[in-house]
Every structure is written in structure tokens, then in C-alpha cells.
Amino acid sequence: MIAYVQEHIGQLLSVDDLAERVLMHPSALADLFQDVTGKPPCLFFRNMRLSRARAMLIETGSDAAQSHERWGTGPCHISPASFATATA
């Protein structure tokens, strides 16, 4: 499941979609996800997007707006304030 999330982090991911994919109830999947990762899915997705955005800034020299646009959309989107704080 985590590998799938990592491979598809640029897409809109929801707990409902992931639960359907693995034939689980969304709340059961969210509980299991938190047990395994130590974070609820929404926070895990957000942190992964922030990591990818940070890497994009470093590797490509893009600006924060471009990186935010690429990685900050979808459920549990990254707000400009959290992006600025995480990349400072």
C-alpha cells in the first residue's frame, strides 16, 4: 500500500479510493495505515508531498509556487503556509 502511495503521490489519493483498491472499509484501512506508519493517511500523504516538493526545489531550481502547484493539490492539500514552514 505504501509503495502504491509513493508511486501515485502526484495523483488525487483518498482513503476511500485506497480502501476500494484493497477491498477494505475506509475506516479499517485508515486505522491499519496509522498503526503501520504512525500517522493518519492524510498526514502521511501531506508529508510525502512536502518531501517531493522540497526535492523538486533543490533538484530543479524551481520556485516554491511551481513546486506547490505540482505537489499541493488534492485531498489534504499543502497550504502555502505549511509549505513555507516545511521548506524554510
Protein backbone atom coordinates (compact mmCIF):
# COMPACT_ATOMS: atom_id res chain seq x y z
CA MET A 1 0.00 0.00 0.00
CA ILE A 2 2.75 2.48 0.91
CA ALA A 3 4.61 1.67 -2.31
CA TYR A 4 1.42 2.38 -4.24
CA VAL A 5 1.00 5.71 -2.45
CA GLN A 6 4.62 6.63 -3.19
CA GLU A 7 4.22 5.77 -6.87
CA HIS A 8 0.96 7.71 -7.20
CA ILE A 9 1.51 10.63 -4.82
CA GLY A 10 1.09 13.14 -7.64
CA GLN A 11 -2.45 11.89 -8.21
CA LEU A 12 -5.53 12.58 -6.17
CA LEU A 13 -5.50 9.89 -3.49
CA SER A 14 -8.25 9.35 -0.98
CA VAL A 15 -8.69 6.80 1.76
CA ASP A 16 -11.92 5.70 0.05
CA ASP A 17 -10.08 5.02 -3.22
CA LEU A 18 -7.27 3.14 -1.49
CA ALA A 19 -9.73 1.12 0.60
CA GLU A 20 -11.65 0.11 -2.51
CA ARG A 21 -8.38 -0.93 -4.12
CA VAL A 22 -7.52 -3.32 -1.27
CA LEU A 23 -11.13 -4.37 -0.53
CA MET A 24 -11.28 -2.85 2.96
CA HIS A 25 -13.65 -0.49 4.69
CA PRO A 26 -12.18 3.06 4.66
CA SER A 27 -12.10 3.38 8.44
CA ALA A 28 -10.41 -0.03 8.81
CA LEU A 29 -7.81 0.98 6.25
CA ALA A 30 -7.21 4.33 7.98
CA ASP A 31 -6.74 2.55 11.32
CA LEU A 32 -4.36 -0.01 9.81
CA PHE A 33 -2.46 2.71 7.95
CA GLN A 34 -1.95 4.65 11.17
CA ASP A 35 -0.88 1.51 13.03
CA VAL A 36 1.76 0.76 10.37
CA THR A 37 3.04 4.28 9.65
CA GLY A 38 2.32 6.02 12.94
CA LYS A 39 0.40 8.71 11.04
CA PRO A 40 -3.12 9.03 9.69
CA PRO A 41 -3.26 8.71 5.89
CA CYS A 42 -3.94 12.43 5.33
CA LEU A 43 -0.85 13.48 7.29
CA PHE A 44 1.27 10.79 5.65
CA PHE A 45 0.20 11.99 2.16
CA ARG A 46 0.87 15.61 3.13
CA ASN A 47 4.34 14.84 4.46
CA MET A 48 5.20 12.81 1.37
CA ARG A 49 4.06 15.66 -0.89
CA LEU A 50 6.14 18.11 1.12
CA SER A 51 9.19 15.88 0.73
CA ARG A 52 8.66 15.65 -3.02
CA ALA A 53 8.13 19.40 -3.26
CA ARG A 54 11.29 20.06 -1.26
CA ALA A 55 13.26 17.72 -3.53
CA MET A 56 11.85 19.48 -6.61
CA LEU A 57 13.03 22.82 -5.26
CA ILE A 58 16.54 21.50 -4.70
CA GLU A 59 16.91 19.37 -7.82
CA THR A 60 15.32 21.58 -10.45
CA GLY A 61 15.75 25.04 -9.01
CA SER A 62 12.03 25.66 -9.44
CA ASP A 63 10.39 28.22 -7.24
CA ALA A 64 8.03 27.49 -4.38
CA ALA A 65 4.95 28.38 -6.43
CA GLN A 66 5.80 25.84 -9.13
CA SER A 67 6.56 23.16 -6.58
CA HIS A 68 3.39 23.92 -4.63
CA GLU A 69 1.33 23.78 -7.81
CA ARG A 70 2.78 20.36 -8.69
CA TRP A 71 2.55 18.76 -5.24
CA GLY A 72 -0.02 20.78 -3.31
CA THR A 73 -3.30 19.74 -4.86
CA GLY A 74 -5.82 17.12 -3.95
CA PRO A 75 -7.16 15.81 -0.66
CA CYS A 76 -5.25 17.14 2.31
CA HIS A 77 -3.57 19.71 0.10
CA ILE A 78 -0.49 21.56 1.25
CA SER A 79 -1.26 25.11 2.24
CA PRO A 80 1.26 27.80 1.27
CA ALA A 81 1.93 28.40 4.97
CA SER A 82 2.77 24.77 5.71
CA PHE A 83 4.88 24.59 2.54
CA ALA A 84 6.85 27.69 3.57
CA THR A 85 7.35 26.38 7.09
CA ALA A 86 8.48 22.93 5.94
CA THR A 87 10.92 24.25 3.34
CA ALA A 88 12.42 27.07 5.42
